[in-house]
Amino acid sequence: MFTAPRSAILSGMMTFCSMAGVVLAFGSASGPAREADPLQVLLGESVWIDGATVQRCADGVCELIRAGEGDPSVVRDFAFLYFLFVSKRGQRHVTMIERNHALSLIAAHGSREGLDGVPSALRSLAGRGRLSLFSVRPDRGQRVEVPVSLEDEIRRLEDEIQRYRNPSRRPGG
């Protein structure tokens, strides 16, 4: 599996922001096109989805996103953006279809466009769904959920976007 550096993912997103979108639909000659679950497409077998809970396991650690209330689609939309832009586990090449879905989520929930809208979209979705993030690890045969600060994770993404936009802020740049 190809693993893209985060700067390449950010660069690809920036390039895509100026391009036309692609419709996310899969079909076959034997049946009509059906819309695929973008989260399942992005994460494949590493994701477990149950109503208002999304869990992804990669590199021996699981990340769990749980909604406190509201529409389960909020947690799915947040999870898609979080796993695409924030989570550092299992990075890989991002497809045009995934970028298109991300852009539609950013447009729907962010206060800015493109890559700059990711942090505000994440904050909006987290607030609407009263989302909680956990790192899940086994400890002496028990499953331990350790709370992770969503705001700290989003601020880290904002810093990374700024370093990408301003090469003078990059380490060694």
C-alpha atoms as a PDB file:
ATOM      1  CA  MET A   1       0.000   0.000   0.000  1.00  0.00           C
ATOM      2  CA  PHE A   2       1.288   3.466  -0.906  1.00  0.00           C
ATOM      3  CA  THR A   3       1.599   5.864   2.020  1.00  0.00           C
ATOM      4  CA  ALA A   4       1.538   9.523   1.061  1.00  0.00           C
ATOM      5  CA  PRO A   5       3.229  12.139   3.211  1.00  0.00           C
ATOM      6  CA  ARG A   6       0.743  14.545   4.846  1.00  0.00           C
ATOM      7  CA  SER A   7       2.171  17.401   2.748  1.00  0.00           C
ATOM      8  CA  ALA A   8       1.304  15.447  -0.406  1.00  0.00           C
ATOM      9  CA  ILE A   9      -2.259  14.938   0.838  1.00  0.00           C
ATOM     10  CA  LEU A  10      -2.562  18.661   1.583  1.00  0.00           C
ATOM     11  CA  SER A  11      -1.050  19.488  -1.805  1.00  0.00           C
ATOM     12  CA  GLY A  12      -3.461  17.136  -3.558  1.00  0.00           C
ATOM     13  CA  MET A  13      -6.384  18.712  -1.738  1.00  0.00           C
ATOM     14  CA  MET A  14      -5.242  22.190  -2.736  1.00  0.00           C
ATOM     15  CA  THR A  15      -4.929  21.139  -6.383  1.00  0.00           C
ATOM     16  CA  PHE A  16      -8.318  19.478  -6.317  1.00  0.00           C
ATOM     17  CA  CYS A  17     -10.037  22.512  -4.795  1.00  0.00           C
ATOM     18  CA  SER A  18      -9.753  24.280  -8.137  1.00  0.00           C
ATOM     19  CA  MET A  19     -10.975  21.300 -10.180  1.00  0.00           C
ATOM     20  CA  ALA A  20     -14.477  20.113 -11.013  1.00  0.00           C
ATOM     21  CA  GLY A  21     -15.974  17.363  -8.842  1.00  0.00           C
ATOM     22  CA  VAL A  22     -16.785  13.756  -9.546  1.00  0.00           C
ATOM     23  CA  VAL A  23     -20.044  12.054  -8.606  1.00  0.00           C
ATOM     24  CA  LEU A  24     -19.602   9.274  -6.059  1.00  0.00           C
ATOM     25  CA  ALA A  25     -21.615   6.459  -7.549  1.00  0.00           C
ATOM     26  CA  PHE A  26     -20.802   2.876  -8.325  1.00  0.00           C
ATOM     27  CA  GLY A  27     -22.806   0.629 -10.561  1.00  0.00           C
ATOM     28  CA  SER A  28     -22.546  -2.361 -12.758  1.00  0.00           C
ATOM     29  CA  ALA A  29     -23.918  -3.525 -16.049  1.00  0.00           C
ATOM     30  CA  SER A  30     -26.309  -5.797 -14.161  1.00  0.00           C
ATOM     31  CA  GLY A  31     -27.808  -3.155 -11.881  1.00  0.00           C
ATOM     32  CA  PRO A  32     -28.390   0.530 -11.350  1.00  0.00           C
ATOM     33  CA  ALA A  33     -25.757   2.794  -9.866  1.00  0.00           C
ATOM     34  CA  ARG A  34     -25.873   2.964  -6.082  1.00  0.00           C
ATOM     35  CA  GLU A  35     -24.220   5.461  -3.844  1.00  0.00           C
ATOM     36  CA  ALA A  36     -21.317   3.946  -1.949  1.00  0.00           C
ATOM     37  CA  ASP A  37     -20.649   4.700   1.718  1.00  0.00           C
ATOM     38  CA  PRO A  38     -17.721   7.153   1.475  1.00  0.00           C
ATOM     39  CA  LEU A  39     -16.454   6.278   4.960  1.00  0.00           C
ATOM     40  CA  GLN A  40     -16.373   2.572   4.111  1.00  0.00           C
ATOM     41  CA  VAL A  41     -14.655   3.340   0.790  1.00  0.00           C
ATOM     42  CA  LEU A  42     -12.034   5.486   2.548  1.00  0.00           C
ATOM     43  CA  LEU A  43     -11.248   3.062   5.364  1.00  0.00           C
ATOM     44  CA  GLY A  44     -12.290  -0.341   4.071  1.00  0.00           C
ATOM     45  CA  GLU A  45     -12.158  -3.140   6.600  1.00  0.00           C
ATOM     46  CA  SER A  46     -10.388  -1.036   9.235  1.00  0.00           C
ATOM     47  CA  VAL A  47     -13.646   0.771  10.138  1.00  0.00           C
ATOM     48  CA  TRP A  48     -16.528  -0.420  12.293  1.00  0.00           C
ATOM     49  CA  ILE A  49     -19.743   1.622  12.155  1.00  0.00           C
ATOM     50  CA  ASP A  50     -22.653   1.165  14.547  1.00  0.00           C
ATOM     51  CA  GLY A  51     -25.240   3.949  14.565  1.00  0.00           C
ATOM     52  CA  ALA A  52     -23.647   6.943  16.278  1.00  0.00           C
ATOM     53  CA  THR A  53     -20.278   5.238  16.829  1.00  0.00           C
ATOM     54  CA  VAL A  54     -17.402   4.902  14.382  1.00  0.00           C
ATOM     55  CA  GLN A  55     -14.238   3.005  15.251  1.00  0.00           C
ATOM     56  CA  ARG A  56     -11.138   2.647  13.137  1.00  0.00           C
ATOM     57  CA  CYS A  57      -8.237   0.382  13.980  1.00  0.00           C
ATOM     58  CA  ALA A  58      -4.814   0.753  12.353  1.00  0.00           C
ATOM     59  CA  ASP A  59      -1.254   0.208  13.531  1.00  0.00           C
ATOM     60  CA  GLY A  60      -2.435  -1.651  16.659  1.00  0.00           C
ATOM     61  CA  VAL A  61      -4.435   1.301  18.011  1.00  0.00           C
ATOM     62  CA  CYS A  62      -8.112   2.098  17.582  1.00  0.00           C
ATOM     63  CA  GLU A  63      -9.677   5.533  17.333  1.00  0.00           C
ATOM     64  CA  LEU A  64     -13.287   5.763  18.463  1.00  0.00           C
ATOM     65  CA  ILE A  65     -15.678   8.607  17.655  1.00  0.00           C
ATOM     66  CA  ARG A  66     -18.946   8.594  19.548  1.00  0.00           C
ATOM     67  CA  ALA A  67     -21.912  10.961  19.207  1.00  0.00           C
ATOM     68  CA  GLY A  68     -23.682  12.172  22.316  1.00  0.00           C
ATOM     69  CA  GLU A  69     -26.947  12.817  20.494  1.00  0.00           C
ATOM     70  CA  GLY A  70     -28.474  13.677  17.182  1.00  0.00           C
ATOM     71  CA  ASP A  71     -28.291  12.367  13.670  1.00  0.00           C
ATOM     72  CA  PRO A  72     -25.824   9.471  13.156  1.00  0.00           C
ATOM     73  CA  SER A  73     -24.823  11.007   9.809  1.00  0.00           C
ATOM     74  CA  VAL A  74     -23.056  13.774  11.760  1.00  0.00           C
ATOM     75  CA  VAL A  75     -20.620  11.292  13.312  1.00  0.00           C
ATOM     76  CA  ARG A  76     -20.040   9.662   9.912  1.00  0.00           C
ATOM     77  CA  ASP A  77     -19.329  13.012   8.221  1.00  0.00           C
ATOM     78  CA  PHE A  78     -17.004  14.040  11.060  1.00  0.00           C
ATOM     79  CA  ALA A  79     -15.251  10.657  10.944  1.00  0.00           C
ATOM     80  CA  PHE A  80     -14.672  10.961   7.209  1.00  0.00           C
ATOM     81  CA  LEU A  81     -12.996  14.376   7.541  1.00  0.00           C
ATOM     82  CA  TYR A  82     -11.142  13.399  10.726  1.00  0.00           C
ATOM     83  CA  PHE A  83      -9.679  10.205   9.276  1.00  0.00           C
ATOM     84  CA  LEU A  84      -8.821  11.901   5.981  1.00  0.00           C
ATOM     85  CA  PHE A  85      -7.141  15.024   7.401  1.00  0.00           C
ATOM     86  CA  VAL A  86      -6.313  14.599  11.101  1.00  0.00           C
ATOM     87  CA  SER A  87      -5.603  10.972  11.960  1.00  0.00           C
ATOM     88  CA  LYS A  88      -2.004  10.000  11.312  1.00  0.00           C
ATOM     89  CA  ARG A  89      -2.609   6.257  11.216  1.00  0.00           C
ATOM     90  CA  GLY A  90      -2.557   4.335   7.964  1.00  0.00           C
ATOM     91  CA  GLN A  91      -2.078   7.301   5.641  1.00  0.00           C
ATOM     92  CA  ARG A  92      -2.356   6.541   1.969  1.00  0.00           C
ATOM     93  CA  HIS A  93      -3.064   8.155  -1.363  1.00  0.00           C
ATOM     94  CA  VAL A  94      -6.379  10.026  -1.402  1.00  0.00           C
ATOM     95  CA  THR A  95      -8.539   9.439  -4.450  1.00  0.00           C
ATOM     96  CA  MET A  96     -10.348  12.106  -6.433  1.00  0.00           C
ATOM     97  CA  ILE A  97     -13.690  10.661  -5.288  1.00  0.00           C
ATOM     98  CA  GLU A  98     -12.630  10.981  -1.631  1.00  0.00           C
ATOM     99  CA  ARG A  99     -11.460  14.557  -2.194  1.00  0.00           C
ATOM    100  CA  ASN A 100     -14.774  15.367  -3.860  1.00  0.00           C
ATOM    101  CA  HIS A 101     -16.745  13.996  -0.928  1.00  0.00           C
ATOM    102  CA  ALA A 102     -14.524  15.942   1.480  1.00  0.00           C
ATOM    103  CA  LEU A 103     -15.163  19.142  -0.484  1.00  0.00           C
ATOM    104  CA  SER A 104     -18.924  18.598  -0.312  1.00  0.00           C
ATOM    105  CA  LEU A 105     -18.721  18.108   3.475  1.00  0.00           C
ATOM    106  CA  ILE A 106     -16.524  21.196   3.857  1.00  0.00           C
ATOM    107  CA  ALA A 107     -18.953  23.253   1.777  1.00  0.00           C
ATOM    108  CA  ALA A 108     -21.902  22.027   3.849  1.00  0.00           C
ATOM    109  CA  HIS A 109     -20.332  22.453   7.301  1.00  0.00           C
ATOM    110  CA  GLY A 110     -17.320  24.769   7.011  1.00  0.00           C
ATOM    111  CA  SER A 111     -17.117  28.536   7.158  1.00  0.00           C
ATOM    112  CA  ARG A 112     -14.368  28.627   4.517  1.00  0.00           C
ATOM    113  CA  GLU A 113     -13.706  26.771   1.279  1.00  0.00           C
ATOM    114  CA  GLY A 114     -11.309  23.982   0.446  1.00  0.00           C
ATOM    115  CA  LEU A 115      -8.571  22.984   2.827  1.00  0.00           C
ATOM    116  CA  ASP A 116      -9.086  26.109   4.956  1.00  0.00           C
ATOM    117  CA  GLY A 117     -12.640  24.953   5.700  1.00  0.00           C
ATOM    118  CA  VAL A 118     -11.674  21.598   7.212  1.00  0.00           C
ATOM    119  CA  PRO A 119     -11.098  22.851  10.791  1.00  0.00           C
ATOM    120  CA  SER A 120     -14.365  24.830  10.886  1.00  0.00           C
ATOM    121  CA  ALA A 121     -16.296  21.891   9.383  1.00  0.00           C
ATOM    122  CA  LEU A 122     -14.837  19.563  12.023  1.00  0.00           C
ATOM    123  CA  ARG A 123     -15.746  21.995  14.822  1.00  0.00           C
ATOM    124  CA  SER A 124     -19.269  22.449  13.450  1.00  0.00           C
ATOM    125  CA  LEU A 125     -19.896  18.718  13.177  1.00  0.00           C
ATOM    126  CA  ALA A 126     -18.340  18.000  16.591  1.00  0.00           C
ATOM    127  CA  GLY A 127     -20.615  20.579  18.194  1.00  0.00           C
ATOM    128  CA  ARG A 128     -23.771  19.418  16.418  1.00  0.00           C
ATOM    129  CA  GLY A 129     -23.240  15.805  17.384  1.00  0.00           C
ATOM    130  CA  ARG A 130     -21.635  16.416  20.777  1.00  0.00           C
ATOM    131  CA  LEU A 131     -18.866  14.136  19.609  1.00  0.00           C
ATOM    132  CA  SER A 132     -16.205  12.527  21.747  1.00  0.00           C
ATOM    133  CA  LEU A 133     -12.924  11.061  20.532  1.00  0.00           C
ATOM    134  CA  PHE A 134     -11.078   8.208  22.231  1.00  0.00           C
ATOM    135  CA  SER A 135      -7.884   6.284  21.686  1.00  0.00           C
ATOM    136  CA  VAL A 136      -8.635   2.633  22.448  1.00  0.00           C
ATOM    137  CA  ARG A 137      -5.917   0.258  23.598  1.00  0.00           C
ATOM    138  CA  PRO A 138      -5.840  -3.114  25.271  1.00  0.00           C
ATOM    139  CA  ASP A 139      -4.405  -3.077  28.786  1.00  0.00           C
ATOM    140  CA  ARG A 140      -4.026  -6.379  30.647  1.00  0.00           C
ATOM    141  CA  GLY A 141      -6.775  -7.960  28.603  1.00  0.00           C
ATOM    142  CA  GLN A 142      -9.163  -5.051  29.117  1.00  0.00           C
ATOM    143  CA  ARG A 143     -10.301  -2.494  26.563  1.00  0.00           C
ATOM    144  CA  VAL A 144      -9.297   0.997  27.750  1.00  0.00           C
ATOM    145  CA  GLU A 145     -10.802   4.128  26.178  1.00  0.00           C
ATOM    146  CA  VAL A 146      -8.588   7.183  26.699  1.00  0.00           C
ATOM    147  CA  PRO A 147     -10.266  10.535  25.911  1.00  0.00           C
ATOM    148  CA  VAL A 148      -8.545  12.647  23.235  1.00  0.00           C
ATOM    149  CA  SER A 149      -9.122  16.408  22.945  1.00  0.00           C
ATOM    150  CA  LEU A 150     -10.880  17.148  19.651  1.00  0.00           C
ATOM    151  CA  GLU A 151      -9.905  20.804  19.914  1.00  0.00           C
ATOM    152  CA  ASP A 152      -6.203  19.923  20.303  1.00  0.00           C
ATOM    153  CA  GLU A 153      -6.407  17.648  17.270  1.00  0.00           C
ATOM    154  CA  ILE A 154      -8.092  20.369  15.186  1.00  0.00           C
ATOM    155  CA  ARG A 155      -5.526  22.981  16.302  1.00  0.00           C
ATOM    156  CA  ARG A 156      -2.745  20.604  15.246  1.00  0.00           C
ATOM    157  CA  LEU A 157      -4.366  20.387  11.797  1.00  0.00           C
ATOM    158  CA  GLU A 158      -4.601  24.191  11.590  1.00  0.00           C
ATOM    159  CA  ASP A 159      -0.890  24.459  12.415  1.00  0.00           C
ATOM    160  CA  GLU A 160      -0.105  21.896   9.735  1.00  0.00           C
ATOM    161  CA  ILE A 161      -2.154  23.791   7.142  1.00  0.00           C
ATOM    162  CA  GLN A 162      -0.314  27.008   8.048  1.00  0.00           C
ATOM    163  CA  ARG A 163       3.081  25.281   7.709  1.00  0.00           C
ATOM    164  CA  TYR A 164       1.982  23.969   4.312  1.00  0.00           C
ATOM    165  CA  ARG A 165       0.891  27.447   3.160  1.00  0.00           C
ATOM    166  CA  ASN A 166       3.932  29.226   4.618  1.00  0.00           C
ATOM    167  CA  PRO A 167       7.067  27.214   3.819  1.00  0.00           C
ATOM    168  CA  SER A 168       9.116  29.507   6.096  1.00  0.00           C
ATOM    169  CA  ARG A 169       7.227  27.976   9.062  1.00  0.00           C
ATOM    170  CA  ARG A 170       8.192  24.418   8.063  1.00  0.00           C
ATOM    171  CA  PRO A 171      10.974  22.753  10.015  1.00  0.00           C
ATOM    172  CA  GLY A 172      14.158  23.282   7.986  1.00  0.00           C
ATOM    173  CA  GLY A 173      12.265  25.645   5.627  1.00  0.00           C
END
